[in-house]
C-alpha atoms as a PDB file:
ATOM      1  CA  MET A   1       0.030   0.041  -0.032  1.00  0.00           C
ATOM      2  CA  LEU A   2       1.072   3.280  -0.776  1.00  0.00           C
ATOM      3  CA  PRO A   3       2.111   5.944   1.681  1.00  0.00           C
ATOM      4  CA  HIS A   4      -0.804   8.363   2.645  1.00  0.00           C
ATOM      5  CA  ARG A   5       1.216  11.433   1.909  1.00  0.00           C
ATOM      6  CA  PHE A   6       2.907  10.113  -1.403  1.00  0.00           C
ATOM      7  CA  THR A   7      -0.703   9.009  -2.760  1.00  0.00           C
ATOM      8  CA  ILE A   8      -2.198  12.648  -2.101  1.00  0.00           C
ATOM      9  CA  GLN A   9       0.881  13.807  -4.051  1.00  0.00           C
ATOM     10  CA  LEU A  10       0.155  11.658  -6.780  1.00  0.00           C
ATOM     11  CA  LEU A  11      -3.404  12.503  -6.985  1.00  0.00           C
ATOM     12  CA  CYS A  12      -2.252  16.412  -6.964  1.00  0.00           C
ATOM     13  CA  ALA A  13       0.288  15.649  -9.807  1.00  0.00           C
ATOM     14  CA  CYS A  14      -2.529  13.803 -11.928  1.00  0.00           C
ATOM     15  CA  CYS A  15      -5.020  16.706 -11.710  1.00  0.00           C
ATOM     16  CA  LEU A  16      -2.388  19.203 -12.459  1.00  0.00           C
ATOM     17  CA  CYS A  17      -1.697  17.156 -15.688  1.00  0.00           C
ATOM     18  CA  SER A  18      -4.924  16.847 -16.359  1.00  0.00           C
ATOM     19  CA  TYR A  19      -5.560  20.641 -16.039  1.00  0.00           C
ATOM     20  CA  ALA A  20      -2.550  21.477 -18.216  1.00  0.00           C
ATOM     21  CA  ALA A  21      -3.636  19.099 -20.947  1.00  0.00           C
ATOM     22  CA  ALA A  22      -7.315  20.811 -21.041  1.00  0.00           C
ATOM     23  CA  GLN A  23      -5.536  24.515 -20.850  1.00  0.00           C
ATOM     24  CA  ASN A  24      -3.181  23.133 -23.837  1.00  0.00           C
ATOM     25  CA  TYR A  25      -5.768  21.410 -25.796  1.00  0.00           C
ATOM     26  CA  LYS A  26      -6.283  22.177 -29.609  1.00  0.00           C
ATOM     27  CA  ALA A  27      -9.533  21.491 -31.125  1.00  0.00           C
ATOM     28  CA  THR A  28      -9.965  20.031 -34.502  1.00  0.00           C
ATOM     29  CA  ARG A  29     -11.023  22.707 -36.945  1.00  0.00           C
ATOM     30  CA  THR A  30     -13.922  23.201 -39.196  1.00  0.00           C
ATOM     31  CA  GLY A  31     -13.454  23.793 -42.906  1.00  0.00           C
ATOM     32  CA  SER A  32     -13.562  27.472 -42.206  1.00  0.00           C
ATOM     33  CA  GLY A  33     -10.577  26.977 -39.851  1.00  0.00           C
ATOM     34  CA  VAL A  34     -11.950  27.827 -36.691  1.00  0.00           C
ATOM     35  CA  PRO A  35     -12.354  25.475 -33.490  1.00  0.00           C
ATOM     36  CA  ASP A  36     -15.020  22.402 -33.990  1.00  0.00           C
ATOM     37  CA  LEU A  37     -17.435  22.819 -31.100  1.00  0.00           C
ATOM     38  CA  GLN A  38     -20.026  20.890 -32.848  1.00  0.00           C
ATOM     39  CA  GLY A  39     -21.980  18.291 -31.106  1.00  0.00           C
ATOM     40  CA  ILE A  40     -24.651  17.437 -28.628  1.00  0.00           C
ATOM     41  CA  TRP A  41     -23.780  19.013 -25.152  1.00  0.00           C
ATOM     42  CA  GLN A  42     -25.173  19.075 -21.573  1.00  0.00           C
ATOM     43  CA  VAL A  43     -24.365  19.990 -18.082  1.00  0.00           C
ATOM     44  CA  ARG A  44     -24.095  17.768 -15.276  1.00  0.00           C
ATOM     45  CA  ASN A  45     -24.741  20.407 -12.531  1.00  0.00           C
ATOM     46  CA  ALA A  46     -27.624  21.764 -10.594  1.00  0.00           C
ATOM     47  CA  ALA A  47     -26.774  25.437 -11.795  1.00  0.00           C
ATOM     48  CA  SER A  48     -30.479  25.866 -12.970  1.00  0.00           C
ATOM     49  CA  PHE A  49     -31.733  25.736  -9.364  1.00  0.00           C
ATOM     50  CA  ASP A  50     -28.747  27.734  -7.766  1.00  0.00           C
ATOM     51  CA  VAL A  51     -26.330  29.483 -10.257  1.00  0.00           C
ATOM     52  CA  SER A  52     -24.366  30.463  -6.982  1.00  0.00           C
ATOM     53  CA  GLU A  53     -23.289  27.189  -6.897  1.00  0.00           C
ATOM     54  CA  VAL A  54     -20.821  27.661  -9.950  1.00  0.00           C
ATOM     55  CA  ALA A  55     -20.114  31.249  -9.275  1.00  0.00           C
ATOM     56  CA  GLU A  56     -16.719  32.528  -8.753  1.00  0.00           C
ATOM     57  CA  GLY A  57     -16.688  32.566  -4.955  1.00  0.00           C
ATOM     58  CA  ARG A  58     -20.044  31.182  -4.978  1.00  0.00           C
ATOM     59  CA  GLU A  59     -21.542  34.705  -4.223  1.00  0.00           C
ATOM     60  CA  ILE A  60     -23.470  37.094  -6.154  1.00  0.00           C
ATOM     61  CA  PRO A  61     -22.446  40.610  -5.610  1.00  0.00           C
ATOM     62  CA  TYR A  62     -26.048  42.286  -5.442  1.00  0.00           C
ATOM     63  CA  ARG A  63     -26.490  45.961  -4.510  1.00  0.00           C
ATOM     64  CA  ALA A  64     -28.576  46.273  -1.547  1.00  0.00           C
ATOM     65  CA  ASP A  65     -31.542  47.765  -3.031  1.00  0.00           C
ATOM     66  CA  ALA A  66     -31.595  45.024  -6.053  1.00  0.00           C
ATOM     67  CA  LEU A  67     -31.407  42.331  -3.278  1.00  0.00           C
ATOM     68  CA  GLU A  68     -34.401  43.802  -1.471  1.00  0.00           C
ATOM     69  CA  ARG A  69     -36.237  43.867  -4.852  1.00  0.00           C
ATOM     70  CA  GLU A  70     -35.472  40.071  -5.450  1.00  0.00           C
ATOM     71  CA  GLN A  71     -36.634  39.129  -2.265  1.00  0.00           C
ATOM     72  CA  LYS A  72     -40.048  40.852  -2.933  1.00  0.00           C
ATOM     73  CA  ALA A  73     -40.226  39.424  -6.260  1.00  0.00           C
ATOM     74  CA  ASP A  74     -42.627  37.069  -7.365  1.00  0.00           C
ATOM     75  CA  ARG A  75     -42.030  33.738  -6.181  1.00  0.00           C
ATOM     76  CA  VAL A  76     -42.592  31.338  -9.011  1.00  0.00           C
ATOM     77  CA  ASP A  77     -40.002  30.607 -11.537  1.00  0.00           C
ATOM     78  CA  PRO A  78     -41.082  32.023 -14.806  1.00  0.00           C
ATOM     79  CA  ILE A  79     -40.337  28.985 -16.583  1.00  0.00           C
ATOM     80  CA  ALA A  80     -43.228  27.385 -14.524  1.00  0.00           C
ATOM     81  CA  HIS A  81     -45.286  29.267 -17.070  1.00  0.00           C
ATOM     82  CA  CYS A  82     -43.650  28.164 -19.805  1.00  0.00           C
ATOM     83  CA  ALA A  83     -41.282  31.009 -20.376  1.00  0.00           C
ATOM     84  CA  MET A  84     -38.100  31.141 -22.296  1.00  0.00           C
ATOM     85  CA  PRO A  85     -35.411  30.613 -19.533  1.00  0.00           C
ATOM     86  CA  GLY A  86     -32.866  33.412 -21.122  1.00  0.00           C
ATOM     87  CA  VAL A  87     -28.909  33.512 -21.459  1.00  0.00           C
ATOM     88  CA  PRO A  88     -27.103  32.475 -19.766  1.00  0.00           C
ATOM     89  CA  ARG A  89     -29.674  30.050 -18.263  1.00  0.00           C
ATOM     90  CA  ILE A  90     -30.742  28.407 -21.551  1.00  0.00           C
ATOM     91  CA  THR A  91     -27.348  26.820 -21.436  1.00  0.00           C
ATOM     92  CA  TYR A  92     -27.293  25.010 -17.827  1.00  0.00           C
ATOM     93  CA  MET A  93     -30.686  23.867 -18.346  1.00  0.00           C
ATOM     94  CA  PRO A  94     -31.124  20.049 -17.361  1.00  0.00           C
ATOM     95  CA  PHE A  95     -31.377  19.367 -20.975  1.00  0.00           C
ATOM     96  CA  PRO A  96     -29.027  18.788 -24.292  1.00  0.00           C
ATOM     97  CA  PHE A  97     -28.464  21.162 -27.006  1.00  0.00           C
ATOM     98  CA  GLN A  98     -26.741  20.852 -30.278  1.00  0.00           C
ATOM     99  CA  ILE A  99     -24.371  23.005 -31.577  1.00  0.00           C
ATOM    100  CA  ILE A 100     -24.106  23.335 -35.559  1.00  0.00           C
ATOM    101  CA  GLN A 101     -21.343  25.501 -36.996  1.00  0.00           C
ATOM    102  CA  ARG A 102     -21.397  27.300 -40.849  1.00  0.00           C
ATOM    103  CA  PRO A 103     -19.032  29.607 -41.936  1.00  0.00           C
ATOM    104  CA  ASP A 104     -20.537  32.655 -40.510  1.00  0.00           C
ATOM    105  CA  THR A 105     -22.734  31.564 -38.305  1.00  0.00           C
ATOM    106  CA  VAL A 106     -22.922  29.334 -34.752  1.00  0.00           C
ATOM    107  CA  VAL A 107     -26.332  27.728 -34.535  1.00  0.00           C
ATOM    108  CA  PHE A 108     -27.622  26.583 -30.820  1.00  0.00           C
ATOM    109  CA  ALA A 109     -30.328  24.283 -30.857  1.00  0.00           C
ATOM    110  CA  TYR A 110     -31.755  23.859 -27.572  1.00  0.00           C
ATOM    111  CA  GLU A 111     -34.125  20.748 -26.735  1.00  0.00           C
ATOM    112  CA  TYR A 112     -35.818  22.545 -24.161  1.00  0.00           C
ATOM    113  CA  LEU A 113     -38.850  24.331 -25.771  1.00  0.00           C
ATOM    114  CA  HIS A 114     -37.674  24.162 -29.222  1.00  0.00           C
ATOM    115  CA  ASN A 115     -35.333  27.085 -28.345  1.00  0.00           C
ATOM    116  CA  HIS A 116     -32.683  27.942 -30.867  1.00  0.00           C
ATOM    117  CA  ARG A 117     -29.919  30.764 -31.354  1.00  0.00           C
ATOM    118  CA  ILE A 118     -28.432  32.024 -34.565  1.00  0.00           C
ATOM    119  CA  VAL A 119     -25.451  33.720 -33.589  1.00  0.00           C
ATOM    120  CA  HIS A 120     -23.413  35.708 -36.323  1.00  0.00           C
ATOM    121  CA  THR A 121     -19.608  35.571 -36.253  1.00  0.00           C
ATOM    122  CA  THR A 122     -19.170  38.428 -38.698  1.00  0.00           C
ATOM    123  CA  PRO A 123     -18.760  42.017 -37.290  1.00  0.00           C
ATOM    124  CA  ARG A 124     -22.305  43.813 -36.720  1.00  0.00           C
ATOM    125  CA  GLU A 125     -23.781  46.184 -33.982  1.00  0.00           C
ATOM    126  CA  HIS A 126     -26.104  45.159 -31.643  1.00  0.00           C
ATOM    127  CA  LEU A 127     -29.757  45.765 -32.476  1.00  0.00           C
ATOM    128  CA  GLU A 128     -31.365  49.111 -30.622  1.00  0.00           C
ATOM    129  CA  GLY A 129     -34.753  49.493 -28.963  1.00  0.00           C
ATOM    130  CA  ILE A 130     -36.104  45.863 -28.740  1.00  0.00           C
ATOM    131  CA  ASP A 131     -35.355  42.987 -25.978  1.00  0.00           C
ATOM    132  CA  PHE A 132     -35.740  39.209 -26.691  1.00  0.00           C
ATOM    133  CA  TRP A 133     -35.896  36.458 -24.229  1.00  0.00           C
ATOM    134  CA  LEU A 134     -32.546  35.052 -25.274  1.00  0.00           C
ATOM    135  CA  GLY A 135     -30.991  38.610 -26.262  1.00  0.00           C
ATOM    136  CA  ASP A 136     -29.249  39.528 -29.130  1.00  0.00           C
ATOM    137  CA  SER A 137     -26.069  38.158 -29.768  1.00  0.00           C
ATOM    138  CA  VAL A 138     -22.764  39.104 -31.729  1.00  0.00           C
ATOM    139  CA  ALA A 139     -20.011  36.505 -31.496  1.00  0.00           C
ATOM    140  CA  ARG A 140     -16.161  36.700 -32.503  1.00  0.00           C
ATOM    141  CA  TRP A 141     -13.409  33.966 -32.337  1.00  0.00           C
ATOM    142  CA  GLU A 142     -10.604  34.689 -30.045  1.00  0.00           C
ATOM    143  CA  GLY A 143      -8.206  31.812 -30.558  1.00  0.00           C
ATOM    144  CA  GLU A 144      -9.411  28.719 -29.129  1.00  0.00           C
ATOM    145  CA  THR A 145     -12.591  30.569 -27.814  1.00  0.00           C
ATOM    146  CA  LEU A 146     -15.771  31.458 -29.156  1.00  0.00           C
ATOM    147  CA  ALA A 147     -16.897  34.459 -27.070  1.00  0.00           C
ATOM    148  CA  ILE A 148     -20.289  35.851 -27.630  1.00  0.00           C
ATOM    149  CA  ASP A 149     -21.344  39.265 -26.379  1.00  0.00           C
ATOM    150  CA  VAL A 150     -25.025  39.328 -25.341  1.00  0.00           C
ATOM    151  CA  THR A 151     -27.344  42.627 -25.008  1.00  0.00           C
ATOM    152  CA  ASN A 152     -30.866  43.379 -25.229  1.00  0.00           C
ATOM    153  CA  LEU A 153     -32.065  40.704 -22.647  1.00  0.00           C
ATOM    154  CA  GLY A 154     -34.998  42.582 -20.653  1.00  0.00           C
ATOM    155  CA  ASP A 155     -35.814  41.736 -17.067  1.00  0.00           C
ATOM    156  CA  LYS A 156     -38.222  39.213 -17.019  1.00  0.00           C
ATOM    157  CA  THR A 157     -35.954  36.071 -17.044  1.00  0.00           C
ATOM    158  CA  TRP A 158     -34.249  34.401 -13.789  1.00  0.00           C
ATOM    159  CA  LEU A 159     -30.826  33.029 -13.765  1.00  0.00           C
ATOM    160  CA  ASP A 160     -32.105  30.058 -11.603  1.00  0.00           C
ATOM    161  CA  SER A 161     -34.966  28.639  -9.725  1.00  0.00           C
ATOM    162  CA  ALA A 162     -33.642  30.521  -6.591  1.00  0.00           C
ATOM    163  CA  ARG A 163     -34.892  33.970  -7.784  1.00  0.00           C
ATOM    164  CA  HIS A 164     -31.706  35.315  -8.716  1.00  0.00           C
ATOM    165  CA  THR A 165     -32.906  38.082 -10.689  1.00  0.00           C
ATOM    166  CA  HIS A 166     -31.325  40.764 -13.207  1.00  0.00           C
ATOM    167  CA  SER A 167     -32.403  43.973 -14.747  1.00  0.00           C
ATOM    168  CA  ASP A 168     -32.980  45.152 -18.164  1.00  0.00           C
ATOM    169  CA  ALA A 169     -29.370  46.467 -17.992  1.00  0.00           C
ATOM    170  CA  LEU A 170     -27.690  42.927 -17.708  1.00  0.00           C
ATOM    171  CA  HIS A 171     -24.799  42.382 -20.387  1.00  0.00           C
ATOM    172  CA  VAL A 172     -23.729  38.881 -20.831  1.00  0.00           C
ATOM    173  CA  VAL A 173     -20.195  37.609 -22.295  1.00  0.00           C
ATOM    174  CA  GLU A 174     -20.274  33.971 -22.852  1.00  0.00           C
ATOM    175  CA  ARG A 175     -17.002  31.982 -23.732  1.00  0.00           C
ATOM    176  CA  TYR A 176     -16.863  28.381 -25.071  1.00  0.00           C
ATOM    177  CA  THR A 177     -13.528  26.742 -25.094  1.00  0.00           C
ATOM    178  CA  ARG A 178     -13.103  22.898 -26.109  1.00  0.00           C
ATOM    179  CA  THR A 179     -10.809  21.395 -23.454  1.00  0.00           C
ATOM    180  CA  GLY A 180     -10.888  17.818 -25.037  1.00  0.00           C
ATOM    181  CA  PRO A 181     -12.688  15.630 -27.183  1.00  0.00           C
ATOM    182  CA  ASP A 182     -15.974  15.510 -25.216  1.00  0.00           C
ATOM    183  CA  THR A 183     -15.655  18.716 -22.852  1.00  0.00           C
ATOM    184  CA  ILE A 184     -16.434  22.377 -23.185  1.00  0.00           C
ATOM    185  CA  ARG A 185     -15.247  24.974 -20.491  1.00  0.00           C
ATOM    186  CA  TYR A 186     -18.224  27.556 -20.608  1.00  0.00           C
ATOM    187  CA  GLU A 187     -17.722  30.806 -18.761  1.00  0.00           C
ATOM    188  CA  VAL A 188     -19.869  33.569 -18.323  1.00  0.00           C
ATOM    189  CA  THR A 189     -19.300  36.928 -17.188  1.00  0.00           C
ATOM    190  CA  LEU A 190     -22.533  39.164 -15.968  1.00  0.00           C
ATOM    191  CA  ASP A 191     -22.409  42.792 -15.589  1.00  0.00           C
ATOM    192  CA  ASP A 192     -25.621  44.502 -14.538  1.00  0.00           C
ATOM    193  CA  PRO A 193     -24.993  48.213 -12.834  1.00  0.00           C
ATOM    194  CA  LYS A 194     -28.777  48.199 -11.848  1.00  0.00           C
ATOM    195  CA  THR A 195     -28.504  44.731  -9.891  1.00  0.00           C
ATOM    196  CA  TYR A 196     -24.807  44.098  -9.276  1.00  0.00           C
ATOM    197  CA  THR A 197     -21.914  45.955  -7.390  1.00  0.00           C
ATOM    198  CA  LYS A 198     -19.457  44.914  -9.865  1.00  0.00           C
ATOM    199  CA  PRO A 199     -19.301  42.183 -13.020  1.00  0.00           C
ATOM    200  CA  TRP A 200     -19.059  38.467 -11.896  1.00  0.00           C
ATOM    201  CA  ASN A 201     -18.430  35.150 -13.327  1.00  0.00           C
ATOM    202  CA  ILE A 202     -19.733  31.670 -13.633  1.00  0.00           C
ATOM    203  CA  SER A 203     -17.860  28.616 -15.134  1.00  0.00           C
ATOM    204  CA  MET A 204     -18.671  25.171 -15.708  1.00  0.00           C
ATOM    205  CA  LEU A 205     -17.921  22.208 -18.011  1.00  0.00           C
ATOM    206  CA  LEU A 206     -20.348  20.894 -21.009  1.00  0.00           C
ATOM    207  CA  HIS A 207     -20.073  17.093 -21.815  1.00  0.00           C
ATOM    208  CA  ARG A 208     -20.681  16.026 -25.217  1.00  0.00           C
ATOM    209  CA  HIS A 209     -23.265  12.821 -25.707  1.00  0.00           C
ATOM    210  CA  THR A 210     -21.479  10.282 -27.111  1.00  0.00           C
ATOM    211  CA  GLU A 211     -24.180   7.726 -26.843  1.00  0.00           C
ATOM    212  CA  PRO A 212     -25.005   5.905 -30.366  1.00  0.00           C
ATOM    213  CA  GLY A 213     -27.901   7.288 -31.967  1.00  0.00           C
ATOM    214  CA  PHE A 214     -28.120  10.008 -29.252  1.00  0.00           C
ATOM    215  CA  GLU A 215     -30.186  13.093 -31.010  1.00  0.00           C
ATOM    216  CA  LEU A 216     -32.348  16.201 -29.683  1.00  0.00           C
ATOM    217  CA  ARG A 217     -36.103  15.236 -28.628  1.00  0.00           C
ATOM    218  CA  GLU A 218     -39.366  17.139 -28.762  1.00  0.00           C
ATOM    219  CA  GLN A 219     -39.599  18.796 -25.226  1.00  0.00           C
ATOM    220  CA  GLU A 220     -42.989  20.742 -25.386  1.00  0.00           C
ATOM    221  CA  CYS A 221     -44.539  22.737 -22.536  1.00  0.00           C
ATOM    222  CA  THR A 222     -48.204  23.725 -22.159  1.00  0.00           C
ATOM    223  CA  GLU A 223     -49.927  25.399 -19.089  1.00  0.00           C
ATOM    224  CA  GLY A 224     -52.507  23.463 -17.059  1.00  0.00           C
ATOM    225  CA  ASP A 225     -55.785  24.605 -15.619  1.00  0.00           C
ATOM    226  CA  ASP A 226     -53.869  26.161 -12.598  1.00  0.00           C
ATOM    227  CA  GLY A 227     -51.644  28.119 -14.985  1.00  0.00           C
ATOM    228  CA  ARG A 228     -48.290  25.735 -14.362  1.00  0.00           C
ATOM    229  CA  ALA A 229     -45.924  24.142 -16.596  1.00  0.00           C
ATOM    230  CA  ILE A 230     -46.800  20.615 -17.879  1.00  0.00           C
ATOM    231  CA  HIS A 231     -43.980  19.023 -19.055  1.00  0.00           C
ATOM    232  CA  PRO A 232     -41.406  16.379 -17.907  1.00  0.00           C
ATOM    233  CA  PHE A 233     -38.134  17.945 -16.078  1.00  0.00           C
ATOM    234  CA  TYR A 234     -35.514  15.297 -16.751  1.00  0.00           C
ATOM    235  CA  ARG A 235     -33.033  14.153 -18.822  1.00  0.00           C
ATOM    236  CA  PRO A 236     -30.268  12.113 -17.956  1.00  0.00           C
ATOM    237  CA  ALA A 237     -26.653  13.912 -18.230  1.00  0.00           C
ATOM    238  CA  PRO A 238     -23.833  12.449 -20.661  1.00  0.00           C
ATOM    239  CA  LYS A 239     -21.701   9.816 -18.957  1.00  0.00           C
ATOM    240  CA  GLY A 240     -22.987  10.614 -15.541  1.00  0.00           C
ATOM    241  CA  ASP A 241     -25.331   9.695 -12.824  1.00  0.00           C
ATOM    242  CA  PRO A 242     -28.673  10.565 -13.958  1.00  0.00           C
ATOM    243  CA  LEU A 243     -28.941  13.388 -11.327  1.00  0.00           C
ATOM    244  CA  GLU A 244     -31.906  12.259  -9.497  1.00  0.00           C
ATOM    245  CA  PHE A 245     -32.561  15.347  -7.747  1.00  0.00           C
ATOM    246  CA  MET A 246     -34.175  16.535 -11.414  1.00  0.00           C
ATOM    247  CA  ARG A 247     -36.962  14.014 -10.787  1.00  0.00           C
ATOM    248  CA  THR A 248     -38.396  16.475  -8.222  1.00  0.00           C
ATOM    249  CA  TYR A 249     -37.897  19.613 -10.097  1.00  0.00           C
ATOM    250  CA  PRO A 250     -41.511  20.357 -10.883  1.00  0.00           C
ATOM    251  CA  LYS A 251     -42.328  20.041  -7.054  1.00  0.00           C
ATOM    252  CA  GLU A 252     -39.411  22.504  -6.764  1.00  0.00           C
ATOM    253  CA  VAL A 253     -40.653  25.223  -9.289  1.00  0.00           C
ATOM    254  CA  SER A 254     -44.148  24.646  -8.151  1.00  0.00           C
ATOM    255  CA  LYS A 255     -43.668  25.958  -4.249  1.00  0.00           C
END
């Protein structure tokens, strides 16, 4: 049996090697010469229930007045009424989504409520005077990373089911970086001077579905007689435990 101290040192060395490999990973290229992010992806975390769990320092820097507004907010998650989740939440919903690349666009097709985003990678200005549930996205390539600047988000979406809200001033920057054949590092900076005292960050891994024949399914949402959403809130994550807590999700959003 290896000495305890040596075992710990060996594990630390393995972790450092894995981290270095992820940092230095160079993705295969598309025909356009940019990193290939294509595939069907899904998170393995509970960020959609409480985004502070994946926040830097596990803390959201709320302004005092914004925190008071949040505590007085409607206690029912908007998605319980079939509303779109918004950005960045749509990415860490417990459902898969597909990335499809074209020379001047990146398409995100989400299983959840048939949502989609068509993100242009050619330079253009953000639209003015109109808000969208999933915002207005403009992207650019930064080496191995796809950086997406998102504005025009409005104030009707939540970041999770734990009532973490934002205002219509929310500005999101998403970064997608391939860290291995089956993983993408998803990093987000959220800036909202009406709600937060400073910009803050979240990060997580996206895992690629590699099961033979795996594809997006129809995932619809309708409201019942009591105005609450009727749809299954569960889809197993790739290569991991089925995340048993998702089975109770309808109860959580209905409280």
